Amino acid sequence: MGDPDGEDQRYAVPRARKLGPEQEHAISVAASRGATLRELAALHRLYAPAPMR
């Protein structure tokens, strides 16, 4: 009964796609310069690697 790993799958979040240090820095700089959340999300989608299938 339950998940063998002990995690409740009802609240599982999709695994985040990893960004490289340069991409993280670019997003951090954009955030510090007042980018909106929508703009930051667009940058993340632009920089993130394609999802694995």
N, C-alpha and C. Protein backbone atom coordinates (compact mmCIF):
# COMPACT_ATOMS: atom_id res chain seq x y z
N MET A 1 0.84 -1.18 0.00
CA MET A 1 0.00 0.00 0.00
C MET A 1 0.88 1.23 0.00
N GLY A 2 0.69 2.11 -1.00
CA GLY A 2 1.50 3.31 -1.08
C GLY A 2 2.70 3.13 -1.99
N ASP A 3 3.40 4.21 -2.16
CA ASP A 3 4.57 4.23 -3.03
C ASP A 3 5.77 3.61 -2.31
N PRO A 4 6.52 2.70 -2.96
CA PRO A 4 7.67 2.09 -2.29
C PRO A 4 8.74 3.11 -1.91
N ASP A 5 8.80 4.24 -2.61
CA ASP A 5 9.78 5.28 -2.27
C ASP A 5 9.31 6.15 -1.12
N GLY A 6 8.06 5.98 -0.72
CA GLY A 6 7.54 6.77 0.39
C GLY A 6 7.02 8.13 -0.02
N GLU A 7 6.90 8.39 -1.31
CA GLU A 7 6.40 9.69 -1.77
C GLU A 7 4.94 9.56 -2.17
N ASP A 8 4.17 10.55 -1.84
CA ASP A 8 2.76 10.58 -2.20
C ASP A 8 2.64 11.10 -3.62
N GLN A 9 2.26 10.24 -4.56
CA GLN A 9 2.21 10.61 -5.97
C GLN A 9 1.09 11.59 -6.31
N ARG A 10 0.14 11.77 -5.41
CA ARG A 10 -0.92 12.75 -5.68
C ARG A 10 -0.36 14.15 -5.81
N TYR A 11 0.76 14.38 -5.14
CA TYR A 11 1.36 15.72 -5.15
C TYR A 11 2.66 15.76 -5.93
N ALA A 12 2.88 14.79 -6.79
CA ALA A 12 4.12 14.74 -7.54
C ALA A 12 4.19 15.90 -8.52
N VAL A 13 5.36 16.48 -8.62
CA VAL A 13 5.61 17.59 -9.53
C VAL A 13 6.53 17.07 -10.64
N PRO A 14 6.26 17.44 -11.90
CA PRO A 14 7.16 17.00 -12.96
C PRO A 14 8.60 17.43 -12.68
N ARG A 15 9.53 16.59 -13.02
CA ARG A 15 10.93 16.93 -12.77
C ARG A 15 11.33 18.14 -13.60
N ALA A 16 12.03 19.04 -12.96
CA ALA A 16 12.47 20.26 -13.63
C ALA A 16 13.57 19.93 -14.63
N ARG A 17 13.53 20.63 -15.74
CA ARG A 17 14.61 20.48 -16.71
C ARG A 17 15.77 21.36 -16.24
N LYS A 18 16.94 20.79 -16.20
CA LYS A 18 18.11 21.50 -15.67
C LYS A 18 18.63 22.52 -16.67
N LEU A 19 19.02 23.67 -16.14
CA LEU A 19 19.66 24.70 -16.94
C LEU A 19 21.14 24.71 -16.61
N GLY A 20 21.93 25.17 -17.54
CA GLY A 20 23.36 25.33 -17.30
C GLY A 20 23.62 26.60 -16.51
N PRO A 21 24.83 26.77 -16.01
CA PRO A 21 25.15 27.95 -15.20
C PRO A 21 24.98 29.27 -15.97
N GLU A 22 25.30 29.26 -17.26
CA GLU A 22 25.16 30.49 -18.05
C GLU A 22 23.69 30.88 -18.18
N GLN A 23 22.84 29.88 -18.40
CA GLN A 23 21.41 30.16 -18.54
C GLN A 23 20.81 30.61 -17.22
N GLU A 24 21.21 29.97 -16.11
CA GLU A 24 20.73 30.39 -14.80
C GLU A 24 21.15 31.83 -14.52
N HIS A 25 22.37 32.18 -14.89
CA HIS A 25 22.87 33.54 -14.67
C HIS A 25 22.06 34.54 -15.50
N ALA A 26 21.77 34.21 -16.75
CA ALA A 26 21.01 35.11 -17.61
C ALA A 26 19.62 35.37 -17.03
N ILE A 27 18.98 34.33 -16.52
CA ILE A 27 17.65 34.48 -15.92
C ILE A 27 17.75 35.29 -14.63
N SER A 28 18.79 35.06 -13.85
CA SER A 28 18.99 35.81 -12.61
C SER A 28 19.19 37.30 -12.89
N VAL A 29 19.99 37.61 -13.91
CA VAL A 29 20.21 39.00 -14.28
C VAL A 29 18.91 39.64 -14.75
N ALA A 30 18.15 38.92 -15.56
CA ALA A 30 16.86 39.44 -16.04
C ALA A 30 15.94 39.73 -14.86
N ALA A 31 15.92 38.82 -13.88
CA ALA A 31 15.07 39.01 -12.70
C ALA A 31 15.51 40.23 -11.90
N SER A 32 16.82 40.41 -11.75
CA SER A 32 17.32 41.54 -10.98
C SER A 32 17.06 42.87 -11.69
N ARG A 33 16.86 42.82 -12.99
CA ARG A 33 16.57 44.04 -13.76
C ARG A 33 15.07 44.29 -13.90
N GLY A 34 14.26 43.51 -13.20
CA GLY A 34 12.83 43.77 -13.15
C GLY A 34 11.99 43.06 -14.19
N ALA A 35 12.49 41.95 -14.72
CA ALA A 35 11.69 41.18 -15.69
C ALA A 35 10.45 40.63 -15.00
N THR A 36 9.37 40.55 -15.75
CA THR A 36 8.13 39.99 -15.19
C THR A 36 8.24 38.47 -15.12
N LEU A 37 7.35 37.88 -14.36
CA LEU A 37 7.34 36.42 -14.25
C LEU A 37 7.09 35.78 -15.60
N ARG A 38 6.26 36.38 -16.41
CA ARG A 38 5.99 35.86 -17.76
C ARG A 38 7.26 35.89 -18.61
N GLU A 39 8.04 36.97 -18.51
CA GLU A 39 9.28 37.07 -19.27
C GLU A 39 10.31 36.04 -18.78
N LEU A 40 10.36 35.84 -17.46
CA LEU A 40 11.30 34.85 -16.92
C LEU A 40 10.91 33.43 -17.36
N ALA A 41 9.61 33.15 -17.38
CA ALA A 41 9.15 31.84 -17.84
C ALA A 41 9.50 31.63 -19.31
N ALA A 42 9.38 32.68 -20.11
CA ALA A 42 9.73 32.58 -21.53
C ALA A 42 11.23 32.30 -21.69
N LEU A 43 12.05 32.96 -20.88
CA LEU A 43 13.50 32.70 -20.93
C LEU A 43 13.79 31.26 -20.54
N HIS A 44 13.11 30.76 -19.52
CA HIS A 44 13.35 29.38 -19.09
C HIS A 44 12.98 28.41 -20.20
N ARG A 45 11.83 28.64 -20.86
CA ARG A 45 11.44 27.76 -21.97
C ARG A 45 12.45 27.84 -23.11
N LEU A 46 12.98 29.02 -23.36
CA LEU A 46 13.96 29.20 -24.43
C LEU A 46 15.25 28.44 -24.13
N TYR A 47 15.70 28.51 -22.88
CA TYR A 47 16.99 27.92 -22.51
C TYR A 47 16.91 26.45 -22.13
N ALA A 48 15.75 25.99 -21.68
CA ALA A 48 15.65 24.61 -21.18
C ALA A 48 15.80 23.61 -22.31
N PRO A 49 16.47 22.50 -22.04
CA PRO A 49 16.59 21.46 -23.07
C PRO A 49 15.22 20.85 -23.36
N ALA A 50 15.09 20.26 -24.51
CA ALA A 50 13.83 19.63 -24.90
C ALA A 50 13.51 18.49 -23.94
N PRO A 51 12.23 18.29 -23.63
CA PRO A 51 11.87 17.20 -22.71
C PRO A 51 12.19 15.84 -23.31
N MET A 52 12.56 14.92 -22.44
CA MET A 52 12.86 13.56 -22.88
C MET A 52 11.54 12.82 -23.12
N ARG A 53 11.51 11.97 -24.12
CA ARG A 53 10.30 11.17 -24.38
C ARG A 53 10.57 9.73 -24.16
